[in-house]
Amino acid sequence: MKIWPANACIVATGLLLASIHAFAHHGDAGRYEEVITSLTGTVVTLQLINPHSIIIVDVENGSGRTQRWQVEISNATGLARIGWTRETLKPGDRVKMAGRIVKSGAPYINLSENSRLARGDTCEELFHSGMGSGREPDYPPLSCD
């Protein structure tokens, strides 16, 4: 009986189709500045979503005007693994962060590489790139004022 080659083809096709999503992740080559930028702001909302969670933060600029920033951070599953919940950051919480901003000048910062996020009032570190893997970022700890 020669049924196994047909079954093998069906299984192989199924595995191939199931793995396609692994190739769909986008790269960020050239999108972000290489220099690490530090910001302090007030949380507006935390969106624990995939593929990247988002924190919306109001940041006061040098002239005293408030600008709304979007902070891209790890996915919801990865954050849950290190203990994050919807209560980790609440509206009104002060945060300090260090990451790479987009080259376009838009108020958008990425916390995926050499980055840190801490509470503004206590400087308790909430996140750093590689957290949970035992890998420390190259960026030094955030300074507390």
C-alpha atoms as a PDB file:
ATOM      1  CA  MET A   1       0.000   0.000   0.000  1.00  0.00           C
ATOM      2  CA  LYS A   2       1.394   3.420  -0.968  1.00  0.00           C
ATOM      3  CA  ILE A   3      -0.670   5.648   1.289  1.00  0.00           C
ATOM      4  CA  TRP A   4       2.205   6.904   3.466  1.00  0.00           C
ATOM      5  CA  PRO A   5       3.752   9.217   0.781  1.00  0.00           C
ATOM      6  CA  ALA A   6       0.405  10.989   0.410  1.00  0.00           C
ATOM      7  CA  ASN A   7       0.038  11.268   4.183  1.00  0.00           C
ATOM      8  CA  ALA A   8       3.608  12.558   4.459  1.00  0.00           C
ATOM      9  CA  CYS A   9       2.841  15.269   1.898  1.00  0.00           C
ATOM     10  CA  ILE A  10      -0.299  16.307   3.760  1.00  0.00           C
ATOM     11  CA  VAL A  11       1.571  16.473   7.087  1.00  0.00           C
ATOM     12  CA  ALA A  12       4.474  18.407   5.525  1.00  0.00           C
ATOM     13  CA  THR A  13       2.087  20.896   3.923  1.00  0.00           C
ATOM     14  CA  GLY A  14       0.273  21.351   7.218  1.00  0.00           C
ATOM     15  CA  LEU A  15       3.521  22.010   9.082  1.00  0.00           C
ATOM     16  CA  LEU A  16       4.658  24.469   6.428  1.00  0.00           C
ATOM     17  CA  LEU A  17       1.395  26.395   6.565  1.00  0.00           C
ATOM     18  CA  ALA A  18       1.418  26.403  10.366  1.00  0.00           C
ATOM     19  CA  SER A  19       4.936  27.869  10.457  1.00  0.00           C
ATOM     20  CA  ILE A  20       4.362  30.707   7.984  1.00  0.00           C
ATOM     21  CA  HIS A  21       3.501  33.156  10.775  1.00  0.00           C
ATOM     22  CA  ALA A  22       7.035  32.751  12.136  1.00  0.00           C
ATOM     23  CA  PHE A  23       8.379  34.463   9.014  1.00  0.00           C
ATOM     24  CA  ALA A  24       5.925  37.357   9.216  1.00  0.00           C
ATOM     25  CA  HIS A  25       7.714  39.368  11.916  1.00  0.00           C
ATOM     26  CA  HIS A  26       8.916  42.727  10.689  1.00  0.00           C
ATOM     27  CA  GLY A  27      12.410  44.107  11.097  1.00  0.00           C
ATOM     28  CA  ASP A  28      13.207  47.598  12.304  1.00  0.00           C
ATOM     29  CA  ALA A  29      16.480  48.143  10.449  1.00  0.00           C
ATOM     30  CA  GLY A  30      16.994  51.847   9.939  1.00  0.00           C
ATOM     31  CA  ARG A  31      13.731  52.864  11.589  1.00  0.00           C
ATOM     32  CA  TYR A  32      15.105  53.894  14.994  1.00  0.00           C
ATOM     33  CA  GLU A  33      17.955  56.112  16.147  1.00  0.00           C
ATOM     34  CA  GLU A  34      20.974  54.174  17.415  1.00  0.00           C
ATOM     35  CA  VAL A  35      21.449  56.482  20.407  1.00  0.00           C
ATOM     36  CA  ILE A  36      19.472  55.705  23.573  1.00  0.00           C
ATOM     37  CA  THR A  37      17.087  58.473  24.645  1.00  0.00           C
ATOM     38  CA  SER A  38      15.714  58.881  28.183  1.00  0.00           C
ATOM     39  CA  LEU A  39      12.232  60.250  28.884  1.00  0.00           C
ATOM     40  CA  THR A  40      10.042  60.794  31.941  1.00  0.00           C
ATOM     41  CA  GLY A  41       6.283  60.957  31.670  1.00  0.00           C
ATOM     42  CA  THR A  42       2.850  60.156  33.033  1.00  0.00           C
ATOM     43  CA  VAL A  43       0.997  57.012  31.970  1.00  0.00           C
ATOM     44  CA  VAL A  44      -2.249  57.585  30.079  1.00  0.00           C
ATOM     45  CA  THR A  45      -2.990  53.926  29.321  1.00  0.00           C
ATOM     46  CA  LEU A  46      -1.400  50.477  29.098  1.00  0.00           C
ATOM     47  CA  GLN A  47      -2.444  48.230  26.210  1.00  0.00           C
ATOM     48  CA  LEU A  48      -1.318  44.632  26.793  1.00  0.00           C
ATOM     49  CA  ILE A  49      -1.655  43.402  23.214  1.00  0.00           C
ATOM     50  CA  ASN A  50       0.236  41.363  20.618  1.00  0.00           C
ATOM     51  CA  PRO A  51       2.528  41.549  18.765  1.00  0.00           C
ATOM     52  CA  HIS A  52       3.791  44.500  20.857  1.00  0.00           C
ATOM     53  CA  SER A  53       2.200  46.045  23.908  1.00  0.00           C
ATOM     54  CA  ILE A  54       1.846  49.814  23.956  1.00  0.00           C
ATOM     55  CA  ILE A  55       2.060  52.344  26.771  1.00  0.00           C
ATOM     56  CA  ILE A  56       0.686  55.807  26.021  1.00  0.00           C
ATOM     57  CA  VAL A  57       2.595  58.414  28.033  1.00  0.00           C
ATOM     58  CA  ASP A  58       2.360  62.197  28.340  1.00  0.00           C
ATOM     59  CA  VAL A  59       5.861  63.714  28.346  1.00  0.00           C
ATOM     60  CA  GLU A  60       6.571  67.346  29.178  1.00  0.00           C
ATOM     61  CA  ASN A  61       9.107  68.870  26.791  1.00  0.00           C
ATOM     62  CA  GLY A  62      11.702  71.529  27.577  1.00  0.00           C
ATOM     63  CA  SER A  63       9.253  74.393  26.954  1.00  0.00           C
ATOM     64  CA  GLY A  64       6.675  73.028  29.395  1.00  0.00           C
ATOM     65  CA  ARG A  65       4.290  71.687  26.743  1.00  0.00           C
ATOM     66  CA  THR A  66       2.962  68.147  27.057  1.00  0.00           C
ATOM     67  CA  GLN A  67       3.389  65.758  24.167  1.00  0.00           C
ATOM     68  CA  ARG A  68       1.719  62.339  23.947  1.00  0.00           C
ATOM     69  CA  TRP A  69       4.218  59.522  23.275  1.00  0.00           C
ATOM     70  CA  GLN A  70       3.659  55.943  22.210  1.00  0.00           C
ATOM     71  CA  VAL A  71       5.973  53.465  23.942  1.00  0.00           C
ATOM     72  CA  GLU A  72       6.401  50.090  22.214  1.00  0.00           C
ATOM     73  CA  ILE A  73       7.315  47.296  24.595  1.00  0.00           C
ATOM     74  CA  SER A  74       7.322  43.488  24.598  1.00  0.00           C
ATOM     75  CA  ASN A  75       4.253  41.398  23.788  1.00  0.00           C
ATOM     76  CA  ALA A  76       1.528  40.682  26.346  1.00  0.00           C
ATOM     77  CA  THR A  77       2.649  37.080  26.849  1.00  0.00           C
ATOM     78  CA  GLY A  78       6.258  38.041  27.512  1.00  0.00           C
ATOM     79  CA  LEU A  79       5.220  40.748  29.961  1.00  0.00           C
ATOM     80  CA  ALA A  80       2.887  38.320  31.769  1.00  0.00           C
ATOM     81  CA  ARG A  81       5.826  35.921  32.175  1.00  0.00           C
ATOM     82  CA  ILE A  82       7.710  38.563  34.166  1.00  0.00           C
ATOM     83  CA  GLY A  83       4.659  39.374  36.295  1.00  0.00           C
ATOM     84  CA  TRP A  84       2.930  42.210  34.446  1.00  0.00           C
ATOM     85  CA  THR A  85      -0.835  42.607  34.710  1.00  0.00           C
ATOM     86  CA  ARG A  86      -3.227  45.373  33.711  1.00  0.00           C
ATOM     87  CA  GLU A  87      -2.507  46.828  37.165  1.00  0.00           C
ATOM     88  CA  THR A  88       1.271  47.111  36.690  1.00  0.00           C
ATOM     89  CA  LEU A  89       0.904  50.607  35.220  1.00  0.00           C
ATOM     90  CA  LYS A  90      -2.179  52.716  35.800  1.00  0.00           C
ATOM     91  CA  PRO A  91      -3.189  56.125  34.455  1.00  0.00           C
ATOM     92  CA  GLY A  92      -1.348  58.810  36.397  1.00  0.00           C
ATOM     93  CA  ASP A  93       1.705  56.682  37.244  1.00  0.00           C
ATOM     94  CA  ARG A  94       5.023  58.424  36.590  1.00  0.00           C
ATOM     95  CA  VAL A  95       7.561  56.424  34.569  1.00  0.00           C
ATOM     96  CA  LYS A  96      11.136  56.828  33.394  1.00  0.00           C
ATOM     97  CA  MET A  97      12.231  55.050  30.259  1.00  0.00           C
ATOM     98  CA  ALA A  98      15.269  54.713  28.044  1.00  0.00           C
ATOM     99  CA  GLY A  99      15.063  53.384  24.501  1.00  0.00           C
ATOM    100  CA  ARG A 100      15.403  54.247  20.836  1.00  0.00           C
ATOM    101  CA  ILE A 101      13.151  56.861  19.227  1.00  0.00           C
ATOM    102  CA  VAL A 102      12.044  56.777  15.595  1.00  0.00           C
ATOM    103  CA  LYS A 103      14.139  58.703  13.088  1.00  0.00           C
ATOM    104  CA  SER A 104      11.073  60.486  11.708  1.00  0.00           C
ATOM    105  CA  GLY A 105      10.861  62.613  14.857  1.00  0.00           C
ATOM    106  CA  ALA A 106       7.420  61.265  15.795  1.00  0.00           C
ATOM    107  CA  PRO A 107       6.784  60.845  19.534  1.00  0.00           C
ATOM    108  CA  TYR A 108       7.449  57.103  19.475  1.00  0.00           C
ATOM    109  CA  ILE A 109      10.016  55.154  21.499  1.00  0.00           C
ATOM    110  CA  ASN A 110      10.905  51.468  21.257  1.00  0.00           C
ATOM    111  CA  LEU A 111      11.882  49.515  24.367  1.00  0.00           C
ATOM    112  CA  SER A 112      13.086  46.309  22.729  1.00  0.00           C
ATOM    113  CA  GLU A 113      16.861  46.743  22.679  1.00  0.00           C
ATOM    114  CA  ASN A 114      19.168  48.207  25.371  1.00  0.00           C
ATOM    115  CA  SER A 115      16.139  49.682  27.091  1.00  0.00           C
ATOM    116  CA  ARG A 116      14.737  50.154  30.563  1.00  0.00           C
ATOM    117  CA  LEU A 117      11.454  51.227  32.162  1.00  0.00           C
ATOM    118  CA  ALA A 118      11.101  52.212  35.819  1.00  0.00           C
ATOM    119  CA  ARG A 119       8.613  53.853  38.146  1.00  0.00           C
ATOM    120  CA  GLY A 120       9.289  57.571  38.310  1.00  0.00           C
ATOM    121  CA  ASP A 121       8.624  57.915  42.031  1.00  0.00           C
ATOM    122  CA  THR A 122      10.580  54.916  43.375  1.00  0.00           C
ATOM    123  CA  CYS A 123      12.856  54.061  40.427  1.00  0.00           C
ATOM    124  CA  GLU A 124      11.685  50.416  40.740  1.00  0.00           C
ATOM    125  CA  GLU A 125      12.706  48.733  37.498  1.00  0.00           C
ATOM    126  CA  LEU A 126       9.647  47.288  35.764  1.00  0.00           C
ATOM    127  CA  PHE A 127      11.234  46.195  32.503  1.00  0.00           C
ATOM    128  CA  HIS A 128      14.510  46.008  30.655  1.00  0.00           C
ATOM    129  CA  SER A 129      15.299  44.401  27.325  1.00  0.00           C
ATOM    130  CA  GLY A 130      16.074  40.740  27.845  1.00  0.00           C
ATOM    131  CA  MET A 131      14.216  40.647  31.166  1.00  0.00           C
ATOM    132  CA  GLY A 132      13.338  37.100  32.109  1.00  0.00           C
ATOM    133  CA  SER A 133      16.190  35.699  30.030  1.00  0.00           C
ATOM    134  CA  GLY A 134      18.938  36.566  32.493  1.00  0.00           C
ATOM    135  CA  ARG A 135      20.451  38.989  29.956  1.00  0.00           C
ATOM    136  CA  GLU A 136      21.152  42.535  31.118  1.00  0.00           C
ATOM    137  CA  PRO A 137      20.905  45.471  28.685  1.00  0.00           C
ATOM    138  CA  ASP A 138      24.018  47.431  27.791  1.00  0.00           C
ATOM    139  CA  TYR A 139      22.361  50.666  28.883  1.00  0.00           C
ATOM    140  CA  PRO A 140      23.132  51.717  32.493  1.00  0.00           C
ATOM    141  CA  PRO A 141      20.315  51.936  35.068  1.00  0.00           C
ATOM    142  CA  LEU A 142      18.042  54.964  34.908  1.00  0.00           C
ATOM    143  CA  SER A 143      19.040  57.796  37.248  1.00  0.00           C
ATOM    144  CA  CYS A 144      16.627  58.823  39.991  1.00  0.00           C
ATOM    145  CA  ASP A 145      16.179  62.511  40.741  1.00  0.00           C
END
